[in-house]
Every structure is written in C-alpha cells, then in structure tokens.
C-alpha cells in the first residue's frame, strides 16, 4: 500500500517541470495579452518577409501588426531563410490568431522538456533520481529556453529541431529531416557541421553508412541553403569576428567601434566594410589591438553564457519582470558557467583521448556544447543563441556542485 502511494506521488512529482513551465507560460500570456510575438528580437524583419510572401492572404491582424511596427522592414538583399517566417508565423499572417501562435510556442516548449527528460534519463550518471529530477526542473526554468519558446523565435525552432535529431539519432529519416530543416532555419548551422565532423573524426559519432549518408545530405542541403539565402547576410566572417555591436557589451562596444574605425580607417558601416585577414593582422600589430580581440572574445563568451551587460537592466517591454534578469544572472553564475568549465575539462580529456566515459551520446552532447560556445563566440554572441545547449551546461553545472565529475560521467550507452 505504502509503495503504491509512493509510486503515485513520484509520478505526479515527475510532471512538475511541465507544470512549472505551463504556469510561467500562462503568466506571460496574461501579462502580454497573448502578444508574445512582441518579445521576439527582429520580429518585424521576419514578419515583413512573411507578409510579402502571403500577399492578399494576410489577415486583418497581420495588417494591424505591420502598421504598428511602422511598415515593411526592408533590408535590401538581406532576407531570412523562409521556413521560420512563412510557416511558424503563419498563425498570425494566415489565421489571424495570436492565441494559435502562442500555443505553437507552448507546444514546442513542452516537447523540448519531454525530449530533454528522455535524454537525461538515458544516461548512467551514477547519480540518484533526485539529481535528474532537479536538473530537469532547472532546464524547464532556464531563461534561455523560456524566451525562445514562449515567444517562439527562429532559435527556438532551430534548437527544437536539433534536439529531435539528437534524441532520434538512431532513426535515419527523423535524424536526417530534422537536421535538414535546422540547416534551413539558421545560418550558424555551419558551426555545428564543423563540430559534427570533429565528433566524427574522434569516433564519437559512429562511422556507420547511415550516419555518413545523413552528414552528406545535410551538408549538401546547408550549402544549397547558404548559396540561396544565408550568404545574403552583410559582411563576412572577419566583419563579425571584429564586430562589437548588438551583444550588450555596454561601453566596450563604443570603445571597440572607435578603435576599429581609427585603426582600419573605415569610411562605411563596419558590417559592410571590405575586411579580410590583413585587417586582423593590422589590428594585432599593436598591443592595444591584441588586447581588443582578446577582451572581445571573452566578453562574448560571457554574453553567450548569460552575463550580458546591457541585458542586466534593459527591458524589451514595459511590463517585463525584473525577476527575469535576476534569474538569468543566477543561472549564469551558479549553473551555466560552472557547467561550461566542466564541459571544457571533459572536452580536453576527449580530445586527448583521456576520457573514461563510454557513453558516446553524452560525450557528443558535452563536446558539441563546449565547441558551440567556443566557435559561436567568434561571431555575434547573445544569451538567446545558447539554446538548446544551455540545458547540457545546466546539467553539468549540477554535476559540478554535487558530485565528482570523473566518477559521474561514466558507464556505457549506444549512440
């Protein structure tokens, strides 16, 4: 009798992460009156593309939204990839329903928590169920996850597709299709392709024929999408590598712009300037330039992991809650930064063949999360871009606090 009651209570408690996410979602819906799309960065850029695509089929709501944002956001040849604006924003454009769009984000959030739960419980972490339970709660309340799903961003869609591909890694069709769509949604999928190849070279991704075919198809798909859509973004790698703007770096951004214009004699916008490797060589010819690049890179890592200086006090909406700022800084200091340091240690062990873990999917997640932060910080780095890898770092942050890492990350599992 007692055991039956205990099992029933455990099952109820196991649903707590879903209840908490639902409670927060309903609160945001209430505060915004279902206008969650107003929380999406660059919303009008994506929405304008969808509005032009649907033409006369646009709803009255879509017309009102466009008018409220001041008309079409035209940026010349720079256009987003079509999957997110055309399909994901269609509840606003075609059906004229804010509620339907809000539900779309809610379902993605619930689906993400469900898959993360499945992944967490896959691994033999040599820890009791309470650790996995609290890790899942921490993932469900992650500010990065909440902001990318409740107001469904293109990053939220991208991250959800990646998690689907990772969880169903043994299913050729689901794995391949989810990664193809992820490649279509975000141009920085190219970073993940490089990371996948590193995992493949290290033998973490099995060298099976099916995996090889998936990597080939996804790589070709990304190249096609890049040539059609992604290469329309202004600037090149060097421009973004040196660019200090749009990342909440406060006064360092002002200094960085002044330094770059002075050093490189720029006469146009930084992202539109014709920069190359010689530009970096010129910058690094002085100690000031070396310091600029060094500090910019580590400031970006901090920003990507959640400590975004301007984000500490800037609100997107007047009714936004200051508690969200406290939550994000707390996650950064107590979970994500410790998790990042744990992932760095374990990644170095993997690279130098000193890892004692035989759990290939776990090693894949750790190596991929760490390298994603390292590579993404060479470009534009803001906290929302960490999704979905914030969940991996959160779990590793929990490991940092309550267990010996080397004794925790062990055992065997199939990829």
Protein backbone atom coordinates (compact mmCIF):
# COMPACT_ATOMS: atom_id res chain seq x y z
CA UNK A 1 0.00 0.00 0.00
CA UNK A 2 2.74 2.44 1.02
CA UNK A 3 4.78 1.61 -2.08
CA UNK A 4 1.76 2.20 -4.33
CA UNK A 5 1.15 5.64 -2.78
CA UNK A 6 4.86 6.46 -3.12
CA UNK A 7 4.85 5.47 -6.81
CA UNK A 8 1.77 7.61 -7.46
CA UNK A 9 3.40 10.62 -5.75
CA UNK A 10 6.63 10.09 -7.69
CA UNK A 11 4.71 10.06 -10.96
CA UNK A 12 2.95 13.28 -10.02
CA UNK A 13 6.17 15.00 -8.99
CA UNK A 14 7.80 13.87 -12.22
CA UNK A 15 5.37 16.14 -14.07
CA UNK A 16 6.40 19.19 -12.02
CA UNK A 17 8.75 20.63 -14.70
CA UNK A 18 5.86 20.62 -17.17
CA UNK A 19 3.52 22.27 -14.64
CA UNK A 20 6.07 24.97 -13.81
CA UNK A 21 6.69 25.74 -17.48
CA UNK A 22 2.93 25.88 -18.07
CA UNK A 23 2.41 28.22 -15.11
CA UNK A 24 5.09 30.64 -16.36
CA UNK A 25 3.72 30.48 -19.89
CA UNK A 26 0.19 31.31 -18.73
CA UNK A 27 1.58 34.22 -16.69
CA UNK A 28 3.39 35.63 -19.74
CA UNK A 29 0.26 35.19 -21.84
CA UNK A 30 -1.72 37.12 -19.24
CA UNK A 31 0.85 39.93 -18.94
CA UNK A 32 1.23 40.37 -22.70
CA UNK A 33 -2.41 39.66 -23.60
CA UNK A 34 -1.10 36.93 -25.91
CA UNK A 35 1.11 39.43 -27.77
CA UNK A 36 4.13 37.20 -27.17
CA UNK A 37 5.46 37.99 -30.65
CA UNK A 38 6.43 41.43 -29.28
CA UNK A 39 9.14 39.66 -27.26
CA UNK A 40 10.84 38.29 -30.39
CA UNK A 41 14.03 40.18 -31.40
CA UNK A 42 13.93 41.37 -35.03
CA UNK A 43 10.29 40.26 -35.23
CA UNK A 44 9.36 42.80 -37.91
CA UNK A 45 12.27 41.67 -40.09
CA UNK A 46 10.90 38.11 -40.20
CA UNK A 47 7.26 39.17 -40.21
CA UNK A 48 7.79 41.52 -43.17
CA UNK A 49 9.18 38.64 -45.21
CA UNK A 50 6.14 36.51 -44.38
CA UNK A 51 3.79 39.42 -45.10
CA UNK A 52 5.26 39.91 -48.57
CA UNK A 53 5.11 36.18 -49.23
CA UNK A 54 1.43 35.74 -48.31
CA UNK A 55 0.28 38.95 -50.05
CA UNK A 56 -3.51 39.20 -50.25
CA UNK A 57 -3.90 36.18 -47.96
CA UNK A 58 -2.71 38.19 -44.96
CA UNK A 59 -5.22 38.51 -42.14
CA UNK A 60 -6.50 41.75 -40.67
CA UNK A 61 -4.38 41.02 -37.60
CA UNK A 62 -1.27 40.80 -39.80
CA UNK A 63 -2.07 44.17 -41.36
CA UNK A 64 -2.56 45.74 -37.92
CA UNK A 65 0.72 44.27 -36.65
CA UNK A 66 2.63 45.59 -39.65
CA UNK A 67 1.10 49.04 -39.20
CA UNK A 68 2.01 49.03 -35.51
CA UNK A 69 5.64 48.24 -36.39
CA UNK A 70 5.82 51.09 -38.91
CA UNK A 71 5.54 49.11 -42.14
CA UNK A 72 7.80 46.72 -44.01
CA UNK A 73 11.29 46.25 -42.58
CA UNK A 74 13.25 46.23 -45.85
CA UNK A 75 16.97 45.42 -45.70
CA UNK A 76 17.78 45.03 -49.36
CA UNK A 77 19.07 41.62 -50.42
CA UNK A 78 19.39 40.53 -46.79
CA UNK A 79 16.45 38.20 -46.28
CA UNK A 80 15.86 35.50 -43.68
CA UNK A 81 15.56 31.85 -44.62
CA UNK A 82 11.88 31.13 -45.36
CA UNK A 83 10.95 28.26 -43.05
CA UNK A 84 10.51 30.30 -39.88
CA UNK A 85 8.66 33.37 -41.20
CA UNK A 86 6.46 31.54 -43.70
CA UNK A 87 5.47 28.50 -41.64
CA UNK A 88 5.97 29.39 -37.98
CA UNK A 89 4.50 32.90 -38.22
CA UNK A 90 1.56 31.72 -40.36
CA UNK A 91 -0.89 31.70 -37.39
CA UNK A 92 -0.50 35.49 -37.39
CA UNK A 93 -0.42 36.01 -41.16
CA UNK A 94 -3.00 33.49 -42.37
CA UNK A 95 -5.21 32.63 -39.41
CA UNK A 96 -5.05 35.99 -37.67
CA UNK A 97 -4.71 34.35 -34.27
CA UNK A 98 -2.34 35.48 -31.52
CA UNK A 99 -3.56 32.58 -29.38
CA UNK A 100 -2.67 30.00 -32.02
CA UNK A 101 0.85 31.41 -32.32
CA UNK A 102 1.22 31.39 -28.53
CA UNK A 103 0.05 27.76 -28.41
CA UNK A 104 2.60 26.90 -31.08
CA UNK A 105 5.41 28.13 -28.85
CA UNK A 106 3.95 26.38 -25.80
CA UNK A 107 3.88 23.04 -27.61
CA UNK A 108 7.49 23.46 -28.70
CA UNK A 109 8.46 24.21 -25.08
CA UNK A 110 6.60 21.18 -23.73
CA UNK A 111 8.06 18.99 -26.48
CA UNK A 112 11.55 20.24 -25.69
CA UNK A 113 11.19 19.46 -21.97
CA UNK A 114 9.86 16.00 -22.84
CA UNK A 115 12.86 15.20 -25.07
CA UNK A 116 15.37 16.64 -22.58
CA UNK A 117 13.79 14.46 -19.89
CA UNK A 118 14.20 11.40 -22.10
CA UNK A 119 17.83 12.29 -22.83
CA UNK A 120 18.71 12.98 -19.17
CA UNK A 121 17.24 9.66 -18.05
CA UNK A 122 19.10 7.81 -20.82
CA UNK A 123 22.48 8.21 -19.19
CA UNK A 124 24.11 6.32 -16.37
CA UNK A 125 25.35 9.32 -14.41
CA UNK A 126 25.91 7.32 -11.23
CA UNK A 127 23.51 9.72 -9.51
CA UNK A 128 20.15 9.21 -7.84
CA UNK A 129 16.86 10.20 -9.43
CA UNK A 130 16.70 13.43 -7.44
CA UNK A 131 19.63 14.85 -9.39
CA UNK A 132 17.95 14.09 -12.71
CA UNK A 133 14.67 15.49 -11.42
CA UNK A 134 16.17 18.81 -10.25
CA UNK A 135 18.24 19.04 -13.43
CA UNK A 136 15.07 18.75 -15.48
CA UNK A 137 13.38 21.47 -13.39
CA UNK A 138 16.41 23.73 -13.92
CA UNK A 139 16.25 23.09 -17.68
CA UNK A 140 12.49 23.81 -17.76
CA UNK A 141 13.01 27.14 -15.97
CA UNK A 142 16.07 28.18 -17.97
CA UNK A 143 15.65 31.83 -19.08
CA UNK A 144 17.17 30.94 -22.45
CA UNK A 145 14.65 28.16 -23.02
CA UNK A 146 11.71 30.23 -21.78
CA UNK A 147 12.47 33.24 -24.02
CA UNK A 148 12.99 31.11 -27.12
CA UNK A 149 9.84 29.00 -26.78
CA UNK A 150 7.13 31.06 -25.07
CA UNK A 151 7.76 33.74 -27.70
CA UNK A 152 8.72 31.21 -30.38
CA UNK A 153 11.89 32.54 -32.04
CA UNK A 154 13.74 31.09 -35.00
CA UNK A 155 16.38 29.95 -32.50
CA UNK A 156 13.66 28.15 -30.55
CA UNK A 157 12.60 26.30 -33.69
CA UNK A 158 16.25 25.58 -34.56
CA UNK A 159 17.03 24.23 -31.09
CA UNK A 160 13.92 22.05 -31.03
CA UNK A 161 14.84 20.51 -34.39
CA UNK A 162 18.37 19.80 -33.13
CA UNK A 163 17.08 18.05 -30.00
CA UNK A 164 14.74 15.94 -32.13
CA UNK A 165 17.68 14.92 -34.33
CA UNK A 166 19.85 14.11 -31.30
CA UNK A 167 17.20 12.10 -29.45
CA UNK A 168 16.18 10.15 -32.55
CA UNK A 169 19.78 9.72 -33.69
CA UNK A 170 19.17 6.04 -34.42
CA UNK A 171 16.28 6.82 -36.78
CA UNK A 172 17.69 7.72 -40.21
CA UNK A 173 14.61 9.55 -41.52
CA UNK A 174 13.83 11.63 -38.42
CA UNK A 175 17.53 12.38 -37.81
CA UNK A 176 18.15 13.49 -41.38
CA UNK A 177 14.98 15.53 -41.87
CA UNK A 178 15.28 17.38 -38.56
CA UNK A 179 18.88 18.36 -39.32
CA UNK A 180 17.97 19.45 -42.86
CA UNK A 181 15.25 21.75 -41.50
CA UNK A 182 17.64 23.03 -38.82
CA UNK A 183 20.15 23.86 -41.56
CA UNK A 184 17.44 25.85 -43.32
CA UNK A 185 16.42 27.85 -40.24
CA UNK A 186 19.78 29.24 -39.03
CA UNK A 187 22.94 30.22 -40.96
CA UNK A 188 25.14 29.34 -37.99
CA UNK A 189 24.28 25.68 -38.57
CA UNK A 190 27.60 25.70 -40.42
CA UNK A 191 29.29 25.87 -37.00
CA UNK A 192 27.51 22.67 -35.99
CA UNK A 193 28.56 20.93 -39.20
CA UNK A 194 32.20 21.59 -38.32
CA UNK A 195 31.55 20.30 -34.79
CA UNK A 196 29.82 17.19 -36.13
CA UNK A 197 32.88 16.45 -38.25
CA UNK A 198 35.12 16.79 -35.19
CA UNK A 199 32.87 14.32 -33.34
CA UNK A 200 33.01 12.01 -36.33
CA UNK A 201 36.81 12.20 -36.51
CA UNK A 202 37.10 11.39 -32.79
CA UNK A 203 34.83 8.37 -33.23
CA UNK A 204 32.10 9.82 -31.02
CA UNK A 205 29.69 9.83 -33.94
CA UNK A 206 29.70 6.22 -35.22
CA UNK A 207 31.23 5.79 -38.65
CA UNK A 208 28.23 3.90 -39.98
CA UNK A 209 27.00 4.15 -43.55
CA UNK A 210 23.67 5.63 -42.43
CA UNK A 211 25.44 8.36 -40.43
CA UNK A 212 27.73 9.11 -43.38
CA UNK A 213 24.72 9.49 -45.68
CA UNK A 214 22.99 11.81 -43.18
CA UNK A 215 26.08 14.01 -42.87
CA UNK A 216 26.44 14.14 -46.65
CA UNK A 217 22.78 15.03 -47.29
CA UNK A 218 22.69 17.64 -44.51
CA UNK A 219 25.99 19.19 -45.65
CA UNK A 220 24.77 19.49 -49.25
CA UNK A 221 21.46 20.91 -48.06
CA UNK A 222 23.21 23.53 -45.97
CA UNK A 223 25.46 24.53 -48.88
CA UNK A 224 22.39 24.99 -51.09
CA UNK A 225 20.54 26.99 -48.42
CA UNK A 226 23.64 29.08 -47.83
CA UNK A 227 24.01 29.96 -51.51
CA UNK A 228 20.31 30.84 -51.84
CA UNK A 229 19.61 32.55 -48.51
CA UNK A 230 22.32 32.67 -45.87
CA UNK A 231 25.03 34.38 -47.92
CA UNK A 232 22.78 37.44 -48.25
CA UNK A 233 23.74 38.46 -44.72
CA UNK A 234 26.00 41.55 -44.81
CA UNK A 235 29.72 41.15 -44.19
CA UNK A 236 31.89 38.07 -43.87
CA UNK A 237 33.47 36.11 -41.04
CA UNK A 238 36.10 38.82 -40.42
CA UNK A 239 33.42 41.52 -40.09
CA UNK A 240 31.55 39.54 -37.46
CA UNK A 241 34.74 38.41 -35.73
CA UNK A 242 35.69 42.06 -35.11
CA UNK A 243 32.17 43.44 -34.63
CA UNK A 244 31.46 44.61 -31.04
CA UNK A 245 27.84 45.71 -31.55
CA UNK A 246 24.50 44.14 -30.73
CA UNK A 247 25.85 41.95 -27.94
CA UNK A 248 25.15 44.04 -24.86
CA UNK A 249 28.81 44.92 -24.26
CA UNK A 250 27.98 48.41 -22.99
CA UNK A 251 30.86 50.92 -23.15
CA UNK A 252 33.21 48.32 -24.63
CA UNK A 253 31.10 48.46 -27.80
CA UNK A 254 31.60 52.23 -28.03
CA UNK A 255 35.33 51.85 -27.50
CA UNK A 256 35.54 48.96 -30.00
CA UNK A 257 33.85 50.91 -32.78
CA UNK A 258 36.09 53.92 -32.21
CA UNK A 259 39.20 51.72 -32.14
CA UNK A 260 38.30 49.83 -35.34
CA UNK A 261 37.40 52.96 -37.30
CA UNK A 262 40.59 54.62 -36.17
CA UNK A 263 42.87 51.65 -36.81
CA UNK A 264 41.39 50.48 -40.12
CA UNK A 265 40.47 53.95 -41.46
CA UNK A 266 36.90 52.83 -42.12
CA UNK A 267 34.57 55.11 -44.04
CA UNK A 268 31.44 52.91 -44.01
CA UNK A 269 29.47 50.74 -41.62
CA UNK A 270 31.59 48.06 -40.01
CA UNK A 271 29.49 45.13 -41.25
CA UNK A 272 29.58 46.48 -44.81
CA UNK A 273 33.33 47.17 -44.84
CA UNK A 274 35.63 45.12 -47.05
CA UNK A 275 37.64 43.37 -44.33
CA UNK A 276 40.00 40.42 -44.66
CA UNK A 277 42.84 38.66 -42.83
CA UNK A 278 45.10 41.66 -43.44
CA UNK A 279 42.65 43.71 -41.34
CA UNK A 280 43.22 41.38 -38.38
CA UNK A 281 46.98 41.50 -38.98
CA UNK A 282 46.88 45.29 -38.92
CA UNK A 283 44.86 45.30 -35.69
CA UNK A 284 47.19 42.81 -33.99
CA UNK A 285 50.27 44.84 -34.89
CA UNK A 286 49.76 46.74 -31.65
CA UNK A 287 49.24 45.64 -28.06
CA UNK A 288 46.02 47.62 -27.98
CA UNK A 289 44.71 45.59 -30.91
CA UNK A 290 45.74 42.28 -29.33
CA UNK A 291 44.00 43.32 -26.11
CA UNK A 292 40.88 44.35 -28.06
CA UNK A 293 40.49 40.96 -29.75
CA UNK A 294 41.31 39.09 -26.53
CA UNK A 295 38.81 41.03 -24.43
CA UNK A 296 36.13 40.98 -27.14
CA UNK A 297 36.28 37.20 -27.41
CA UNK A 298 35.97 36.56 -23.68
CA UNK A 299 33.29 39.25 -23.32
CA UNK A 300 31.33 37.37 -25.99
CA UNK A 301 31.69 34.08 -24.12
CA UNK A 302 30.28 35.79 -21.02
CA UNK A 303 27.45 37.29 -23.06
CA UNK A 304 26.57 33.99 -24.74
CA UNK A 305 26.55 32.18 -21.40
CA UNK A 306 24.15 34.75 -19.97
CA UNK A 307 26.05 37.65 -18.42
CA UNK A 308 25.05 40.28 -20.94
CA UNK A 309 25.90 43.71 -19.51
CA UNK A 310 23.16 45.77 -21.15
CA UNK A 311 20.76 42.87 -20.65
CA UNK A 312 21.14 43.34 -16.91
CA UNK A 313 18.92 46.42 -16.99
CA UNK A 314 17.26 46.75 -20.41
CA UNK A 315 13.67 45.53 -20.78
CA UNK A 316 12.02 44.64 -24.07
CA UNK A 317 8.55 45.50 -22.78
CA UNK A 318 7.42 47.90 -20.06
CA UNK A 319 5.58 45.09 -18.29
CA UNK A 320 8.55 42.73 -18.39
CA UNK A 321 9.52 41.43 -14.96
CA UNK A 322 12.83 42.34 -13.35
CA UNK A 323 12.89 38.86 -11.81
CA UNK A 324 13.87 37.53 -15.25
CA UNK A 325 17.13 39.50 -15.06
CA UNK A 326 17.90 38.10 -11.61
CA UNK A 327 17.07 34.60 -12.83
CA UNK A 328 19.39 34.81 -15.84
CA UNK A 329 22.35 36.10 -13.82
CA UNK A 330 21.75 33.40 -11.20
CA UNK A 331 21.74 30.72 -13.87
CA UNK A 332 24.94 32.13 -15.33
CA UNK A 333 26.84 32.23 -12.04
CA UNK A 334 25.59 29.06 -10.34
CA UNK A 335 24.90 26.68 -13.24
CA UNK A 336 25.90 27.66 -16.76
CA UNK A 337 29.41 29.00 -16.12
CA UNK A 338 30.33 26.04 -13.83
CA UNK A 339 28.82 23.72 -16.45
CA UNK A 340 30.87 25.37 -19.17
CA UNK A 341 34.07 24.83 -17.15
CA UNK A 342 33.15 21.17 -16.58
CA UNK A 343 32.46 20.77 -20.31
CA UNK A 344 35.88 22.32 -21.10
CA UNK A 345 37.63 19.83 -18.82
CA UNK A 346 35.76 16.85 -20.26
CA UNK A 347 36.24 18.07 -23.84
CA UNK A 348 40.01 18.32 -23.37
CA UNK A 349 40.00 14.79 -21.97
CA UNK A 350 38.10 13.61 -25.04
CA UNK A 351 40.38 15.43 -27.49
CA UNK A 352 43.50 13.98 -25.87
CA UNK A 353 41.90 10.53 -25.58
CA UNK A 354 41.86 10.58 -21.78
CA UNK A 355 38.10 10.34 -21.32
CA UNK A 356 36.90 7.39 -19.26
CA UNK A 357 33.32 7.62 -20.48
CA UNK A 358 31.94 5.11 -22.99
CA UNK A 359 28.66 6.96 -23.32
CA UNK A 360 29.05 8.29 -26.83
CA UNK A 361 25.87 10.34 -26.94
CA UNK A 362 26.74 12.00 -23.63
CA UNK A 363 30.27 12.75 -24.86
CA UNK A 364 28.76 14.10 -28.07
CA UNK A 365 26.50 16.50 -26.17
CA UNK A 366 29.34 17.70 -23.94
CA UNK A 367 31.85 18.17 -26.75
CA UNK A 368 29.27 19.81 -29.02
CA UNK A 369 28.06 22.21 -26.32
CA UNK A 370 31.57 23.33 -25.42
CA UNK A 371 32.72 23.78 -29.01
CA UNK A 372 29.49 25.56 -29.89
CA UNK A 373 30.26 28.19 -27.25
CA UNK A 374 33.89 28.44 -28.38
CA UNK A 375 33.05 28.83 -32.08
CA UNK A 376 29.89 30.95 -31.71
CA UNK A 377 31.78 33.44 -29.57
CA UNK A 378 33.85 34.27 -32.64
CA UNK A 379 30.69 35.76 -34.17
CA UNK A 380 27.67 37.53 -32.70
CA UNK A 381 27.07 36.18 -29.19
CA UNK A 382 23.94 36.93 -27.15
CA UNK A 383 22.31 34.74 -24.45
CA UNK A 384 19.39 33.51 -26.57
CA UNK A 385 21.84 31.97 -29.06
CA UNK A 386 22.89 29.40 -26.43
CA UNK A 387 19.68 27.42 -26.92
CA UNK A 388 19.43 24.37 -26.84
CA UNK A 389 22.91 23.79 -25.40
CA UNK A 390 22.06 25.69 -22.22
CA UNK A 391 20.36 22.50 -20.99
CA UNK A 392 23.58 20.49 -21.32
CA UNK A 393 25.59 23.13 -19.44
CA UNK A 394 22.90 23.36 -16.74
CA UNK A 395 23.10 19.60 -16.11
CA UNK A 396 26.90 19.77 -15.98
CA UNK A 397 26.59 22.71 -13.59
CA UNK A 398 24.51 20.50 -11.30
CA UNK A 399 27.23 17.84 -11.53
CA UNK A 400 29.81 20.48 -10.57
CA UNK A 401 28.04 21.22 -7.30
CA UNK A 402 27.00 17.79 -6.07
CA UNK A 403 29.33 15.16 -7.43
CA UNK A 404 32.84 14.19 -8.51
CA UNK A 405 32.80 14.63 -12.28
CA UNK A 406 35.14 11.75 -13.11
CA UNK A 407 33.03 9.33 -11.09
CA UNK A 408 29.79 10.69 -12.53
CA UNK A 409 30.40 10.72 -16.28
CA UNK A 410 30.93 7.02 -16.85
CA UNK A 411 29.15 3.87 -17.99
CA UNK A 412 28.02 2.84 -21.44
CA UNK A 413 25.20 3.71 -23.81
CA UNK A 414 24.57 3.47 -27.53
CA UNK A 415 24.51 6.50 -29.78
